[in-house]
């Protein structure tokens, strides 16, 4: 029974995902769980938990067809950082940009990390030009 389950999992993982089949320009990311203001107001422990899920989600996104080079660059940039440090980076960015508090927390987290990861920032610039 376990062997059949493993074969099924392998088959499912080998199928192209919907994200791989869509043109990147058509990809919509629905609203997230938190606004940026809600993130800022969370206790530090909950901010760390949110950040762990956020970063794990980005790392796992490769399974759904996201550019592995960009995920790798982010992983390299964040290598050795603890969740508390990443949360502090995001919180600092939000405190400096209250005009973005109505944005989804994931979007301001993206911006905050792009600011501290110059290699990743360069990859995004070259992809849009």
Protein backbone atom coordinates (compact mmCIF):
# COMPACT_ATOMS: atom_id res chain seq x y z
CA UNK A 1 0.00 0.00 0.00
CA UNK A 2 2.82 2.39 0.86
CA UNK A 3 4.46 1.66 -2.51
CA UNK A 4 1.30 2.62 -4.39
CA UNK A 5 1.03 5.83 -2.39
CA UNK A 6 4.62 6.76 -3.24
CA UNK A 7 4.00 6.09 -6.95
CA UNK A 8 0.87 8.26 -6.84
CA UNK A 9 2.75 11.10 -5.14
CA UNK A 10 5.56 10.83 -7.71
CA UNK A 11 3.05 10.96 -10.56
CA UNK A 12 1.29 13.99 -9.12
CA UNK A 13 4.57 15.82 -8.63
CA UNK A 14 5.62 15.11 -12.20
CA UNK A 15 2.47 16.64 -13.71
CA UNK A 16 2.78 20.26 -14.81
CA UNK A 17 1.03 22.54 -12.36
CA UNK A 18 -1.57 25.12 -13.32
CA UNK A 19 0.93 27.83 -12.39
CA UNK A 20 3.45 26.40 -14.88
CA UNK A 21 0.83 26.35 -17.61
CA UNK A 22 -0.33 29.95 -17.13
CA UNK A 23 1.48 32.89 -18.59
CA UNK A 24 3.15 34.72 -15.72
CA UNK A 25 1.40 37.96 -16.70
CA UNK A 26 -1.99 36.30 -16.07
CA UNK A 27 -1.09 35.02 -12.62
CA UNK A 28 -3.18 36.65 -9.89
CA UNK A 29 -2.29 36.40 -6.25
CA UNK A 30 -5.42 36.80 -4.14
CA UNK A 31 -5.54 38.91 -1.02
CA UNK A 32 -3.51 37.57 1.84
CA UNK A 33 -4.42 36.84 5.41
CA UNK A 34 -3.22 40.13 6.89
CA UNK A 35 -2.94 43.75 5.99
CA UNK A 36 0.41 45.37 6.68
CA UNK A 37 -1.12 47.34 9.54
CA UNK A 38 -2.36 44.12 11.12
CA UNK A 39 1.16 42.69 10.80
CA UNK A 40 2.68 45.72 12.55
CA UNK A 41 0.15 45.38 15.39
CA UNK A 42 0.85 41.67 15.96
CA UNK A 43 2.90 40.62 18.99
CA UNK A 44 6.50 39.73 18.03
CA UNK A 45 5.84 36.01 18.49
CA UNK A 46 3.01 36.08 15.94
CA UNK A 47 5.07 38.20 13.55
CA UNK A 48 7.79 35.52 13.67
CA UNK A 49 5.19 32.81 12.98
CA UNK A 50 3.82 34.76 10.01
CA UNK A 51 7.33 35.26 8.62
CA UNK A 52 8.15 31.56 8.95
CA UNK A 53 5.05 30.68 6.92
CA UNK A 54 5.78 33.42 4.39
CA UNK A 55 9.38 32.30 3.82
CA UNK A 56 8.46 28.60 3.77
CA UNK A 57 5.77 29.39 1.21
CA UNK A 58 8.26 31.15 -1.03
CA UNK A 59 10.72 28.27 -0.74
CA UNK A 60 7.99 25.74 -1.54
CA UNK A 61 6.76 27.78 -4.52
CA UNK A 62 9.39 26.15 -6.73
CA UNK A 63 7.19 23.04 -6.65
CA UNK A 64 4.52 25.11 -8.41
CA UNK A 65 6.71 26.41 -11.19
CA UNK A 66 8.12 29.61 -9.71
CA UNK A 67 11.57 30.65 -10.96
CA UNK A 68 13.99 28.61 -8.86
CA UNK A 69 16.82 31.08 -9.43
CA UNK A 70 14.87 33.88 -7.74
CA UNK A 71 13.86 31.64 -4.84
CA UNK A 72 17.49 30.53 -4.55
CA UNK A 73 18.68 34.13 -4.50
CA UNK A 74 16.23 34.96 -1.72
CA UNK A 75 17.33 31.87 0.21
CA UNK A 76 20.96 32.91 -0.20
CA UNK A 77 20.19 36.45 0.97
CA UNK A 78 18.25 35.25 4.01
CA UNK A 79 20.68 32.44 4.80
CA UNK A 80 21.48 32.42 8.49
CA UNK A 81 18.73 34.92 9.41
CA UNK A 82 16.27 33.92 12.08
CA UNK A 83 12.56 34.61 11.77
CA UNK A 84 12.89 37.39 14.35
CA UNK A 85 15.46 39.19 12.17
CA UNK A 86 13.30 38.89 9.04
CA UNK A 87 10.27 40.11 11.01
CA UNK A 88 12.33 43.08 12.23
CA UNK A 89 13.31 43.94 8.62
CA UNK A 90 9.67 43.87 7.55
CA UNK A 91 8.50 45.83 10.61
CA UNK A 92 11.20 48.48 10.06
CA UNK A 93 10.11 48.84 6.42
CA UNK A 94 6.47 49.21 7.45
CA UNK A 95 7.25 51.79 10.14
CA UNK A 96 9.10 53.79 7.48
CA UNK A 97 6.21 53.40 4.99
CA UNK A 98 2.88 53.89 6.78
CA UNK A 99 1.34 54.84 3.42
CA UNK A 100 1.49 51.11 2.60
CA UNK A 101 -0.28 49.83 5.72
CA UNK A 102 -3.43 49.11 3.70
CA UNK A 103 -1.45 46.75 1.42
CA UNK A 104 -1.38 43.00 1.98
CA UNK A 105 1.38 42.08 4.41
CA UNK A 106 2.91 39.72 1.85
CA UNK A 107 3.37 42.58 -0.63
CA UNK A 108 5.15 44.84 1.83
CA UNK A 109 7.20 41.85 2.99
CA UNK A 110 8.24 41.37 -0.65
CA UNK A 111 9.28 45.03 -0.88
CA UNK A 112 11.15 44.95 2.42
CA UNK A 113 13.14 41.87 1.42
CA UNK A 114 13.89 43.23 -2.04
CA UNK A 115 15.41 46.25 -0.29
CA UNK A 116 17.83 44.09 1.70
CA UNK A 117 18.61 41.58 -1.07
CA UNK A 118 20.36 43.53 -3.83
CA UNK A 119 21.05 40.41 -5.92
CA UNK A 120 17.38 39.51 -5.92
CA UNK A 121 16.44 43.11 -6.67
CA UNK A 122 18.70 43.02 -9.73
CA UNK A 123 17.07 39.78 -10.94
CA UNK A 124 13.61 41.38 -10.80
CA UNK A 125 14.81 44.53 -12.58
CA UNK A 126 16.36 42.56 -15.42
CA UNK A 127 13.22 40.45 -15.80
CA UNK A 128 11.03 43.53 -16.28
CA UNK A 129 13.29 45.29 -18.79
